[in-house]
C-alpha atoms as a PDB file:
ATOM      1  CA  UNK A   1     100.784  78.982  91.198  1.00  0.00           C
ATOM      2  CA  UNK A   2     103.325  81.241  89.609  1.00  0.00           C
ATOM      3  CA  UNK A   3     103.692  84.770  91.404  1.00  0.00           C
ATOM      4  CA  UNK A   4     102.940  87.799  89.526  1.00  0.00           C
ATOM      5  CA  UNK A   5     105.540  89.837  88.371  1.00  0.00           C
ATOM      6  CA  UNK A   6     105.608  93.624  89.710  1.00  0.00           C
ATOM      7  CA  UNK A   7     107.226  96.569  88.014  1.00  0.00           C
ATOM      8  CA  UNK A   8     106.965  99.923  89.470  1.00  0.00           C
ATOM      9  CA  UNK A   9     108.019 103.134  87.746  1.00  0.00           C
ATOM     10  CA  UNK A  10     108.934 106.498  89.845  1.00  0.00           C
ATOM     11  CA  UNK A  11     110.517 104.459  92.711  1.00  0.00           C
ATOM     12  CA  UNK A  12     111.407 107.113  94.938  1.00  0.00           C
ATOM     13  CA  UNK A  13     108.316 108.562  95.898  1.00  0.00           C
ATOM     14  CA  UNK A  14     106.196 108.274  99.029  1.00  0.00           C
ATOM     15  CA  UNK A  15     103.653 106.253  97.375  1.00  0.00           C
ATOM     16  CA  UNK A  16     106.287 103.896  95.691  1.00  0.00           C
ATOM     17  CA  UNK A  17     107.810 103.255  99.262  1.00  0.00           C
ATOM     18  CA  UNK A  18     104.411 102.121 100.818  1.00  0.00           C
ATOM     19  CA  UNK A  19     103.982 100.177  97.455  1.00  0.00           C
ATOM     20  CA  UNK A  20     107.029  98.337  98.105  1.00  0.00           C
ATOM     21  CA  UNK A  21     106.594  97.994 101.701  1.00  0.00           C
ATOM     22  CA  UNK A  22     103.049  96.293 100.851  1.00  0.00           C
ATOM     23  CA  UNK A  23     104.059  94.254  98.056  1.00  0.00           C
ATOM     24  CA  UNK A  24     107.261  92.572  99.810  1.00  0.00           C
ATOM     25  CA  UNK A  25     104.966  90.794 101.785  1.00  0.00           C
ATOM     26  CA  UNK A  26     102.446  89.909  99.293  1.00  0.00           C
ATOM     27  CA  UNK A  27     102.109  86.141  98.828  1.00  0.00           C
ATOM     28  CA  UNK A  28     101.117  86.365  95.314  1.00  0.00           C
ATOM     29  CA  UNK A  29     103.974  89.073  94.197  1.00  0.00           C
ATOM     30  CA  UNK A  30     107.383  89.113  93.276  1.00  0.00           C
ATOM     31  CA  UNK A  31     108.947  92.599  92.779  1.00  0.00           C
ATOM     32  CA  UNK A  32     111.063  92.897  90.061  1.00  0.00           C
ATOM     33  CA  UNK A  33     112.315  96.574  88.291  1.00  0.00           C
ATOM     34  CA  UNK A  34     111.945  99.349  90.781  1.00  0.00           C
ATOM     35  CA  UNK A  35     112.791 102.219  88.313  1.00  0.00           C
ATOM     36  CA  UNK A  36     114.067 105.865  89.203  1.00  0.00           C
ATOM     37  CA  UNK A  37     116.415 107.006  86.886  1.00  0.00           C
ATOM     38  CA  UNK A  38     117.902 109.684  89.458  1.00  0.00           C
ATOM     39  CA  UNK A  39     118.774 106.628  91.904  1.00  0.00           C
ATOM     40  CA  UNK A  40     119.784 103.880  89.664  1.00  0.00           C
ATOM     41  CA  UNK A  41     122.199 101.422  90.894  1.00  0.00           C
ATOM     42  CA  UNK A  42     121.218 102.556  94.837  1.00  0.00           C
ATOM     43  CA  UNK A  43     119.759 100.328  97.174  1.00  0.00           C
ATOM     44  CA  UNK A  44     115.666 101.048  97.699  1.00  0.00           C
ATOM     45  CA  UNK A  45     116.409 101.398 101.609  1.00  0.00           C
ATOM     46  CA  UNK A  46     118.603 104.235 100.983  1.00  0.00           C
ATOM     47  CA  UNK A  47     115.794 106.601  99.778  1.00  0.00           C
ATOM     48  CA  UNK A  48     113.022 104.503 101.507  1.00  0.00           C
ATOM     49  CA  UNK A  49     114.953 103.838 105.006  1.00  0.00           C
ATOM     50  CA  UNK A  50     111.981 101.802 106.837  1.00  0.00           C
ATOM     51  CA  UNK A  51     112.531  99.308 104.387  1.00  0.00           C
ATOM     52  CA  UNK A  52     116.129  98.768 105.637  1.00  0.00           C
ATOM     53  CA  UNK A  53     116.888  95.347 106.308  1.00  0.00           C
ATOM     54  CA  UNK A  54     113.588  94.297 104.607  1.00  0.00           C
ATOM     55  CA  UNK A  55     114.798  94.028 100.995  1.00  0.00           C
ATOM     56  CA  UNK A  56     117.476  93.860  98.858  1.00  0.00           C
ATOM     57  CA  UNK A  57     116.181  95.669  95.869  1.00  0.00           C
ATOM     58  CA  UNK A  58     117.956  98.222  94.083  1.00  0.00           C
ATOM     59  CA  UNK A  59     116.623 101.086  91.551  1.00  0.00           C
ATOM     60  CA  UNK A  60     116.881 100.703  88.205  1.00  0.00           C
ATOM     61  CA  UNK A  61     116.850 102.932  85.032  1.00  0.00           C
ATOM     62  CA  UNK A  62     114.263 100.556  83.075  1.00  0.00           C
ATOM     63  CA  UNK A  63     111.620  97.977  83.284  1.00  0.00           C
ATOM     64  CA  UNK A  64     112.785  94.500  82.967  1.00  0.00           C
ATOM     65  CA  UNK A  65     110.269  93.659  80.017  1.00  0.00           C
ATOM     66  CA  UNK A  66     108.777  90.587  81.700  1.00  0.00           C
ATOM     67  CA  UNK A  67     106.280  92.595  84.353  1.00  0.00           C
ATOM     68  CA  UNK A  68     102.714  91.427  84.441  1.00  0.00           C
ATOM     69  CA  UNK A  69     101.629  94.426  86.277  1.00  0.00           C
ATOM     70  CA  UNK A  70     103.289  98.102  86.194  1.00  0.00           C
ATOM     71  CA  UNK A  71     102.620 100.348  88.933  1.00  0.00           C
ATOM     72  CA  UNK A  72     103.203 104.013  87.631  1.00  0.00           C
ATOM     73  CA  UNK A  73     103.972 106.284  90.893  1.00  0.00           C
ATOM     74  CA  UNK A  74     104.953 109.223  88.883  1.00  0.00           C
ATOM     75  CA  UNK A  75     104.068 112.994  89.370  1.00  0.00           C
ATOM     76  CA  UNK A  76     100.791 114.236  87.952  1.00  0.00           C
ATOM     77  CA  UNK A  77     101.401 114.825  84.060  1.00  0.00           C
ATOM     78  CA  UNK A  78     103.987 112.527  83.832  1.00  0.00           C
ATOM     79  CA  UNK A  79     102.294 109.229  83.516  1.00  0.00           C
ATOM     80  CA  UNK A  80     100.717 109.890  79.978  1.00  0.00           C
ATOM     81  CA  UNK A  81     104.432 111.251  78.846  1.00  0.00           C
ATOM     82  CA  UNK A  82     105.840 108.006  80.145  1.00  0.00           C
ATOM     83  CA  UNK A  83     103.549 105.881  78.185  1.00  0.00           C
ATOM     84  CA  UNK A  84     103.742 107.708  75.174  1.00  0.00           C
ATOM     85  CA  UNK A  85     107.457 107.482  74.907  1.00  0.00           C
ATOM     86  CA  UNK A  86     108.475 104.364  76.805  1.00  0.00           C
ATOM     87  CA  UNK A  87     107.042 100.557  75.802  1.00  0.00           C
ATOM     88  CA  UNK A  88     105.627  98.639  78.535  1.00  0.00           C
ATOM     89  CA  UNK A  89     105.479  94.858  78.208  1.00  0.00           C
ATOM     90  CA  UNK A  90     102.639  93.845  76.011  1.00  0.00           C
ATOM     91  CA  UNK A  91      99.888  92.224  77.910  1.00  0.00           C
ATOM     92  CA  UNK A  92     101.229  94.018  81.270  1.00  0.00           C
ATOM     93  CA  UNK A  93      98.328  95.642  83.355  1.00  0.00           C
ATOM     94  CA  UNK A  94      98.827  99.012  84.507  1.00  0.00           C
ATOM     95  CA  UNK A  95      97.971 100.732  87.725  1.00  0.00           C
ATOM     96  CA  UNK A  96      98.475 104.547  87.415  1.00  0.00           C
ATOM     97  CA  UNK A  97      98.760 106.489  90.631  1.00  0.00           C
ATOM     98  CA  UNK A  98      98.441 109.716  89.213  1.00  0.00           C
ATOM     99  CA  UNK A  99      95.729 111.979  88.230  1.00  0.00           C
ATOM    100  CA  UNK A 100      96.433 111.570  84.408  1.00  0.00           C
ATOM    101  CA  UNK A 101      93.879 109.117  83.453  1.00  0.00           C
ATOM    102  CA  UNK A 102      91.093 109.432  86.177  1.00  0.00           C
ATOM    103  CA  UNK A 103      88.672 111.889  84.034  1.00  0.00           C
ATOM    104  CA  UNK A 104      86.272 110.084  81.179  1.00  0.00           C
ATOM    105  CA  UNK A 105      88.088 112.703  78.737  1.00  0.00           C
ATOM    106  CA  UNK A 106      91.735 111.734  79.600  1.00  0.00           C
ATOM    107  CA  UNK A 107      91.414 107.721  79.971  1.00  0.00           C
ATOM    108  CA  UNK A 108      92.857 106.896  76.522  1.00  0.00           C
ATOM    109  CA  UNK A 109      96.484 107.047  75.857  1.00  0.00           C
ATOM    110  CA  UNK A 110      98.914 104.939  73.442  1.00  0.00           C
ATOM    111  CA  UNK A 111      96.121 102.527  72.816  1.00  0.00           C
ATOM    112  CA  UNK A 112      95.370 101.916  76.374  1.00  0.00           C
ATOM    113  CA  UNK A 113      91.693 102.640  77.973  1.00  0.00           C
ATOM    114  CA  UNK A 114      91.823 103.473  81.779  1.00  0.00           C
ATOM    115  CA  UNK A 115      88.847 102.353  84.361  1.00  0.00           C
ATOM    116  CA  UNK A 116      88.336 104.263  87.242  1.00  0.00           C
ATOM    117  CA  UNK A 117      89.699 102.203  90.191  1.00  0.00           C
ATOM    118  CA  UNK A 118      87.535 102.775  93.178  1.00  0.00           C
ATOM    119  CA  UNK A 119      86.499  99.158  94.128  1.00  0.00           C
ATOM    120  CA  UNK A 120      83.682 100.018  96.238  1.00  0.00           C
ATOM    121  CA  UNK A 121      82.059 101.803  93.105  1.00  0.00           C
ATOM    122  CA  UNK A 122      83.400  99.889  89.697  1.00  0.00           C
ATOM    123  CA  UNK A 123      84.352  96.402  91.202  1.00  0.00           C
ATOM    124  CA  UNK A 124      82.928  94.700  88.291  1.00  0.00           C
ATOM    125  CA  UNK A 125      84.655  96.946  85.502  1.00  0.00           C
ATOM    126  CA  UNK A 126      88.192  96.685  87.319  1.00  0.00           C
ATOM    127  CA  UNK A 127      87.771  92.898  87.285  1.00  0.00           C
ATOM    128  CA  UNK A 128      87.444  92.909  83.744  1.00  0.00           C
ATOM    129  CA  UNK A 129      90.272  95.880  82.931  1.00  0.00           C
ATOM    130  CA  UNK A 130      93.557  95.692  81.571  1.00  0.00           C
ATOM    131  CA  UNK A 131      94.545  99.348  82.865  1.00  0.00           C
ATOM    132  CA  UNK A 132      93.388 101.322  86.237  1.00  0.00           C
ATOM    133  CA  UNK A 133      93.468 104.676  87.165  1.00  0.00           C
ATOM    134  CA  UNK A 134      93.712 104.875  90.788  1.00  0.00           C
ATOM    135  CA  UNK A 135      91.594 107.345  92.547  1.00  0.00           C
ATOM    136  CA  UNK A 136      93.016 110.644  94.463  1.00  0.00           C
ATOM    137  CA  UNK A 137      93.172 110.430  98.109  1.00  0.00           C
ATOM    138  CA  UNK A 138      90.926 113.373  98.986  1.00  0.00           C
ATOM    139  CA  UNK A 139      88.295 112.032  96.406  1.00  0.00           C
ATOM    140  CA  UNK A 140      88.476 108.625  97.700  1.00  0.00           C
ATOM    141  CA  UNK A 141      87.514 109.736 101.250  1.00  0.00           C
ATOM    142  CA  UNK A 142      85.052 112.124 100.118  1.00  0.00           C
ATOM    143  CA  UNK A 143      83.329 109.774  97.756  1.00  0.00           C
ATOM    144  CA  UNK A 144      82.737 106.986 100.339  1.00  0.00           C
ATOM    145  CA  UNK A 145      80.226 109.748 102.124  1.00  0.00           C
ATOM    146  CA  UNK A 146      78.333 110.279  99.217  1.00  0.00           C
ATOM    147  CA  UNK A 147      78.049 106.926  96.946  1.00  0.00           C
ATOM    148  CA  UNK A 148      75.175 105.508  99.075  1.00  0.00           C
ATOM    149  CA  UNK A 149      72.929 108.618  98.977  1.00  0.00           C
ATOM    150  CA  UNK A 150      73.856 109.156  95.135  1.00  0.00           C
ATOM    151  CA  UNK A 151      72.657 105.331  94.283  1.00  0.00           C
ATOM    152  CA  UNK A 152      69.618 106.044  96.217  1.00  0.00           C
ATOM    153  CA  UNK A 153      69.176 109.177  94.343  1.00  0.00           C
ATOM    154  CA  UNK A 154      68.967 111.411  97.634  1.00  0.00           C
ATOM    155  CA  UNK A 155      71.607 113.995  96.412  1.00  0.00           C
ATOM    156  CA  UNK A 156      68.969 116.691  95.956  1.00  0.00           C
ATOM    157  CA  UNK A 157      71.174 119.657  97.558  1.00  0.00           C
ATOM    158  CA  UNK A 158      74.404 121.475  97.954  1.00  0.00           C
ATOM    159  CA  UNK A 159      76.876 119.398  99.642  1.00  0.00           C
ATOM    160  CA  UNK A 160      79.424 120.834 101.895  1.00  0.00           C
ATOM    161  CA  UNK A 161      82.990 119.237 102.521  1.00  0.00           C
ATOM    162  CA  UNK A 162      85.825 120.194 104.869  1.00  0.00           C
ATOM    163  CA  UNK A 163      88.609 117.828 104.549  1.00  0.00           C
ATOM    164  CA  UNK A 164      92.218 117.949 106.305  1.00  0.00           C
ATOM    165  CA  UNK A 165      95.447 116.030 105.058  1.00  0.00           C
ATOM    166  CA  UNK A 166      98.580 114.949 106.253  1.00  0.00           C
ATOM    167  CA  UNK A 167     101.960 116.479 105.054  1.00  0.00           C
ATOM    168  CA  UNK A 168     102.768 113.417 102.830  1.00  0.00           C
ATOM    169  CA  UNK A 169      99.681 114.150 100.617  1.00  0.00           C
ATOM    170  CA  UNK A 170     101.816 116.657  99.281  1.00  0.00           C
ATOM    171  CA  UNK A 171     104.681 114.374  98.072  1.00  0.00           C
ATOM    172  CA  UNK A 172     108.427 113.951  98.587  1.00  0.00           C
ATOM    173  CA  UNK A 173     109.117 117.202  96.462  1.00  0.00           C
ATOM    174  CA  UNK A 174     110.540 120.125  99.075  1.00  0.00           C
ATOM    175  CA  UNK A 175     108.305 123.337  99.500  1.00  0.00           C
ATOM    176  CA  UNK A 176     107.309 126.047 102.154  1.00  0.00           C
ATOM    177  CA  UNK A 177     104.230 124.242 102.972  1.00  0.00           C
ATOM    178  CA  UNK A 178     105.973 121.109 103.790  1.00  0.00           C
ATOM    179  CA  UNK A 179     108.931 122.473 105.768  1.00  0.00           C
ATOM    180  CA  UNK A 180     108.656 121.361 109.709  1.00  0.00           C
ATOM    181  CA  UNK A 181     108.913 125.046 110.976  1.00  0.00           C
ATOM    182  CA  UNK A 182     105.908 125.978 108.518  1.00  0.00           C
ATOM    183  CA  UNK A 183     103.804 122.879 109.144  1.00  0.00           C
ATOM    184  CA  UNK A 184     104.075 122.215 112.804  1.00  0.00           C
ATOM    185  CA  UNK A 185     101.314 124.023 114.889  1.00  0.00           C
ATOM    186  CA  UNK A 186      99.898 125.520 111.698  1.00  0.00           C
ATOM    187  CA  UNK A 187      96.517 124.737 109.726  1.00  0.00           C
ATOM    188  CA  UNK A 188      96.039 126.247 106.277  1.00  0.00           C
ATOM    189  CA  UNK A 189      93.339 125.990 103.130  1.00  0.00           C
ATOM    190  CA  UNK A 190      94.543 125.568  99.730  1.00  0.00           C
ATOM    191  CA  UNK A 191      92.424 125.252  96.460  1.00  0.00           C
ATOM    192  CA  UNK A 192      89.177 126.388  98.071  1.00  0.00           C
ATOM    193  CA  UNK A 193      86.184 125.306  95.714  1.00  0.00           C
ATOM    194  CA  UNK A 194      88.678 124.279  93.223  1.00  0.00           C
ATOM    195  CA  UNK A 195      90.600 121.356  94.118  1.00  0.00           C
ATOM    196  CA  UNK A 196      91.544 118.930  91.293  1.00  0.00           C
ATOM    197  CA  UNK A 197      89.619 115.788  92.844  1.00  0.00           C
ATOM    198  CA  UNK A 198      86.082 117.693  92.596  1.00  0.00           C
ATOM    199  CA  UNK A 199      86.069 116.285  88.750  1.00  0.00           C
ATOM    200  CA  UNK A 200      86.075 112.715  89.588  1.00  0.00           C
ATOM    201  CA  UNK A 201      84.113 112.977  92.394  1.00  0.00           C
ATOM    202  CA  UNK A 202      81.343 114.560  90.242  1.00  0.00           C
ATOM    203  CA  UNK A 203      81.893 111.697  87.689  1.00  0.00           C
ATOM    204  CA  UNK A 204      81.450 108.830  90.480  1.00  0.00           C
ATOM    205  CA  UNK A 205      78.178 110.717  91.746  1.00  0.00           C
ATOM    206  CA  UNK A 206      76.499 111.056  88.276  1.00  0.00           C
ATOM    207  CA  UNK A 207      77.296 107.658  87.448  1.00  0.00           C
ATOM    208  CA  UNK A 208      75.105 106.455  90.315  1.00  0.00           C
ATOM    209  CA  UNK A 209      72.627 109.573  90.262  1.00  0.00           C
ATOM    210  CA  UNK A 210      72.600 111.159  86.812  1.00  0.00           C
ATOM    211  CA  UNK A 211      70.970 114.621  87.660  1.00  0.00           C
ATOM    212  CA  UNK A 212      72.458 115.833  91.041  1.00  0.00           C
ATOM    213  CA  UNK A 213      70.583 118.615  92.016  1.00  0.00           C
ATOM    214  CA  UNK A 214      73.105 120.653  93.825  1.00  0.00           C
ATOM    215  CA  UNK A 215      76.902 121.718  93.942  1.00  0.00           C
ATOM    216  CA  UNK A 216      79.889 120.323  96.231  1.00  0.00           C
ATOM    217  CA  UNK A 217      81.659 122.885  98.127  1.00  0.00           C
ATOM    218  CA  UNK A 218      84.638 121.972  99.002  1.00  0.00           C
ATOM    219  CA  UNK A 219      87.266 123.415 101.580  1.00  0.00           C
ATOM    220  CA  UNK A 220      90.623 121.535 101.830  1.00  0.00           C
ATOM    221  CA  UNK A 221      92.992 121.973 104.768  1.00  0.00           C
ATOM    222  CA  UNK A 222      96.881 121.273 105.265  1.00  0.00           C
ATOM    223  CA  UNK A 223      97.426 119.504 108.546  1.00  0.00           C
ATOM    224  CA  UNK A 224     100.284 119.496 111.035  1.00  0.00           C
ATOM    225  CA  UNK A 225     100.500 115.736 110.870  1.00  0.00           C
ATOM    226  CA  UNK A 226     102.400 113.412 108.348  1.00  0.00           C
ATOM    227  CA  UNK A 227      99.702 111.215 106.954  1.00  0.00           C
ATOM    228  CA  UNK A 228      95.951 110.558 107.127  1.00  0.00           C
ATOM    229  CA  UNK A 229      92.929 112.215 105.687  1.00  0.00           C
ATOM    230  CA  UNK A 230      89.948 113.390 107.845  1.00  0.00           C
ATOM    231  CA  UNK A 231      86.573 114.549 105.912  1.00  0.00           C
ATOM    232  CA  UNK A 232      83.298 115.954 107.168  1.00  0.00           C
ATOM    233  CA  UNK A 233      80.772 116.227 104.839  1.00  0.00           C
ATOM    234  CA  UNK A 234      77.275 117.414 105.233  1.00  0.00           C
ATOM    235  CA  UNK A 235      74.119 117.852 103.323  1.00  0.00           C
ATOM    236  CA  UNK A 236      70.310 118.341 103.779  1.00  0.00           C
ATOM    237  CA  UNK A 237      68.349 115.126 104.023  1.00  0.00           C
ATOM    238  CA  UNK A 238      64.889 113.733 104.713  1.00  0.00           C
ATOM    239  CA  UNK A 239      66.421 110.468 106.219  1.00  0.00           C
ATOM    240  CA  UNK A 240      66.391 109.536 109.690  1.00  0.00           C
ATOM    241  CA  UNK A 241      69.755 108.962 111.343  1.00  0.00           C
ATOM    242  CA  UNK A 242      68.710 105.302 111.862  1.00  0.00           C
ATOM    243  CA  UNK A 243      67.671 105.213 107.999  1.00  0.00           C
ATOM    244  CA  UNK A 244      71.000 106.979 106.996  1.00  0.00           C
ATOM    245  CA  UNK A 245      73.236 104.615 108.802  1.00  0.00           C
ATOM    246  CA  UNK A 246      71.446 101.543 107.355  1.00  0.00           C
ATOM    247  CA  UNK A 247      71.617 102.731 104.106  1.00  0.00           C
ATOM    248  CA  UNK A 248      75.415 103.169 104.241  1.00  0.00           C
ATOM    249  CA  UNK A 249      75.843  99.658 105.949  1.00  0.00           C
ATOM    250  CA  UNK A 250      73.773  97.972 103.238  1.00  0.00           C
ATOM    251  CA  UNK A 251      75.734  99.698 100.481  1.00  0.00           C
ATOM    252  CA  UNK A 252      79.171  98.788 101.733  1.00  0.00           C
ATOM    253  CA  UNK A 253      77.839  95.373 103.084  1.00  0.00           C
ATOM    254  CA  UNK A 254      80.325  93.453 100.649  1.00  0.00           C
ATOM    255  CA  UNK A 255      83.303  96.078 101.017  1.00  0.00           C
ATOM    256  CA  UNK A 256      86.027  94.733 103.079  1.00  0.00           C
ATOM    257  CA  UNK A 257      87.894  97.572 103.905  1.00  0.00           C
ATOM    258  CA  UNK A 258      84.617  99.875 104.380  1.00  0.00           C
ATOM    259  CA  UNK A 259      83.323  99.827 108.101  1.00  0.00           C
ATOM    260  CA  UNK A 260      80.607 102.294 109.090  1.00  0.00           C
ATOM    261  CA  UNK A 261      80.973 102.877 112.870  1.00  0.00           C
ATOM    262  CA  UNK A 262      78.514 103.278 115.477  1.00  0.00           C
ATOM    263  CA  UNK A 263      80.899 105.862 117.214  1.00  0.00           C
ATOM    264  CA  UNK A 264      82.593 108.917 116.025  1.00  0.00           C
ATOM    265  CA  UNK A 265      86.014 108.380 114.251  1.00  0.00           C
ATOM    266  CA  UNK A 266      89.547 109.649 114.179  1.00  0.00           C
ATOM    267  CA  UNK A 267      92.656 108.965 112.307  1.00  0.00           C
ATOM    268  CA  UNK A 268      94.388 106.602 114.447  1.00  0.00           C
ATOM    269  CA  UNK A 269      91.804 103.987 113.333  1.00  0.00           C
ATOM    270  CA  UNK A 270      92.992 104.261 109.934  1.00  0.00           C
ATOM    271  CA  UNK A 271      96.377 105.082 109.681  1.00  0.00           C
ATOM    272  CA  UNK A 272      98.918 102.473 108.229  1.00  0.00           C
ATOM    273  CA  UNK A 273      95.707 100.403 106.982  1.00  0.00           C
ATOM    274  CA  UNK A 274      93.756 100.262 103.743  1.00  0.00           C
ATOM    275  CA  UNK A 275      90.411 100.810 105.984  1.00  0.00           C
ATOM    276  CA  UNK A 276      87.801 103.854 105.348  1.00  0.00           C
ATOM    277  CA  UNK A 277      85.853 104.324 108.416  1.00  0.00           C
ATOM    278  CA  UNK A 278      82.517 106.067 108.316  1.00  0.00           C
ATOM    279  CA  UNK A 279      80.257 107.896 110.999  1.00  0.00           C
ATOM    280  CA  UNK A 280      76.621 108.984 110.083  1.00  0.00           C
ATOM    281  CA  UNK A 281      74.818 111.585 112.276  1.00  0.00           C
ATOM    282  CA  UNK A 282      71.664 113.695 111.824  1.00  0.00           C
ATOM    283  CA  UNK A 283      71.590 117.159 113.185  1.00  0.00           C
ATOM    284  CA  UNK A 284      68.159 118.640 112.452  1.00  0.00           C
ATOM    285  CA  UNK A 285      67.639 118.703 108.402  1.00  0.00           C
ATOM    286  CA  UNK A 286      71.419 117.984 108.124  1.00  0.00           C
ATOM    287  CA  UNK A 287      73.072 114.472 107.899  1.00  0.00           C
ATOM    288  CA  UNK A 288      76.665 114.441 108.580  1.00  0.00           C
ATOM    289  CA  UNK A 289      78.701 111.773 107.285  1.00  0.00           C
ATOM    290  CA  UNK A 290      82.367 111.804 108.520  1.00  0.00           C
ATOM    291  CA  UNK A 291      85.320 109.748 106.807  1.00  0.00           C
ATOM    292  CA  UNK A 292      88.831 108.862 107.750  1.00  0.00           C
ATOM    293  CA  UNK A 293      91.383 107.175 105.284  1.00  0.00           C
ATOM    294  CA  UNK A 294      95.208 106.999 105.096  1.00  0.00           C
ATOM    295  CA  UNK A 295      96.182 109.214 102.273  1.00  0.00           C
ATOM    296  CA  UNK A 296      99.327 106.968 101.561  1.00  0.00           C
ATOM    297  CA  UNK A 297      97.374 103.207 101.747  1.00  0.00           C
ATOM    298  CA  UNK A 298      93.562 103.537 100.783  1.00  0.00           C
ATOM    299  CA  UNK A 299      94.095 106.973  99.375  1.00  0.00           C
ATOM    300  CA  UNK A 300      96.890 105.649  96.973  1.00  0.00           C
ATOM    301  CA  UNK A 301      99.395 102.398  97.142  1.00  0.00           C
ATOM    302  CA  UNK A 302      96.786 100.139  99.427  1.00  0.00           C
ATOM    303  CA  UNK A 303      94.103 100.680  96.833  1.00  0.00           C
ATOM    304  CA  UNK A 304      96.201 100.573  93.991  1.00  0.00           C
ATOM    305  CA  UNK A 305      97.230  96.887  95.528  1.00  0.00           C
ATOM    306  CA  UNK A 306      93.129  96.392  95.999  1.00  0.00           C
ATOM    307  CA  UNK A 307      92.899  96.942  92.411  1.00  0.00           C
ATOM    308  CA  UNK A 308      95.653  94.419  91.510  1.00  0.00           C
ATOM    309  CA  UNK A 309      93.894  91.881  93.528  1.00  0.00           C
ATOM    310  CA  UNK A 310      90.739  92.441  91.380  1.00  0.00           C
ATOM    311  CA  UNK A 311      92.559  92.391  88.349  1.00  0.00           C
ATOM    312  CA  UNK A 312      94.147  88.931  88.904  1.00  0.00           C
ATOM    313  CA  UNK A 313      91.340  87.493  91.002  1.00  0.00           C
ATOM    314  CA  UNK A 314      92.898  87.257  94.234  1.00  0.00           C
ATOM    315  CA  UNK A 315      90.913  87.803  97.358  1.00  0.00           C
ATOM    316  CA  UNK A 316      90.262  91.483  97.667  1.00  0.00           C
ATOM    317  CA  UNK A 317      92.219  91.953 100.952  1.00  0.00           C
ATOM    318  CA  UNK A 318      94.947  89.698  99.906  1.00  0.00           C
ATOM    319  CA  UNK A 319      98.552  91.096 101.231  1.00  0.00           C
ATOM    320  CA  UNK A 320      96.153  94.140 102.968  1.00  0.00           C
ATOM    321  CA  UNK A 321      95.735  92.550 106.571  1.00  0.00           C
ATOM    322  CA  UNK A 322      97.362  95.873 107.960  1.00  0.00           C
ATOM    323  CA  UNK A 323      97.022  96.978 111.616  1.00  0.00           C
ATOM    324  CA  UNK A 324      96.470 100.662 112.529  1.00  0.00           C
ATOM    325  CA  UNK A 325      98.778 102.167 115.240  1.00  0.00           C
ATOM    326  CA  UNK A 326      95.881 103.383 117.756  1.00  0.00           C
ATOM    327  CA  UNK A 327      98.638 104.545 120.571  1.00  0.00           C
END
């Protein structure tokens, strides 16, 4: 079987670097163009220096024109503009890692319609799709804590979320809050109750439970580490702890990257992998679900490859057997 020809647009950012790292060793893929207009002609490893000795790829200014799937790793707002101004090979599938097409009201551009690419929610639709809107990192971690409850119609009260992310969640552009002397030994909140991922979370939950009976109150935190998301989510529930755990295990029984742990979770279980690990506990009337993912892998590039596998009929975990670094 011929390998799938891949193109990557926006090749200099963190998500593109992770995507290249994964796809270099994907048995069904050949990476063609890695597009970065500001780096055209330079070796990819000069920007992504973890890839030194791994590849001789060079950045290009344009796609080759023979790509079968194109990953858009552009900044938020730039994917729509790229597709409006540039031609993509006819018949090529697109997987977009920005937030441009995640909401129902925004999922059409240049004659293309995008399917929301959370495999644990939309696997069948993804398999039949031509274009995928890859979910946000916070959105992925938080949705995994709530989808089983929504499917059972059990989101009947307010949901409270606290989630902390590493500095890579802010991208490569320099700013005060990613500067080492600011970030180290420091924690802060940002966009309380207004984070942009709330929109896609709400649409996914109402897809399963059309009449939600409470609000989602989300406080995002900046962490003093480079990668990973730890989310703690609680809401009132009449389920016992055992009933809740079984509900989650049943919901994710066929999800190869999602595990419901009987022990409390921590970030080192998932960093560098496409895993989401969940833990479910009951305290009085409150059901507490904790979730951990790598924001650059399951929260971005790994999930994009997972979606590519579904689009092309490969095993869902093809090329994604990645080991965490626990010590």
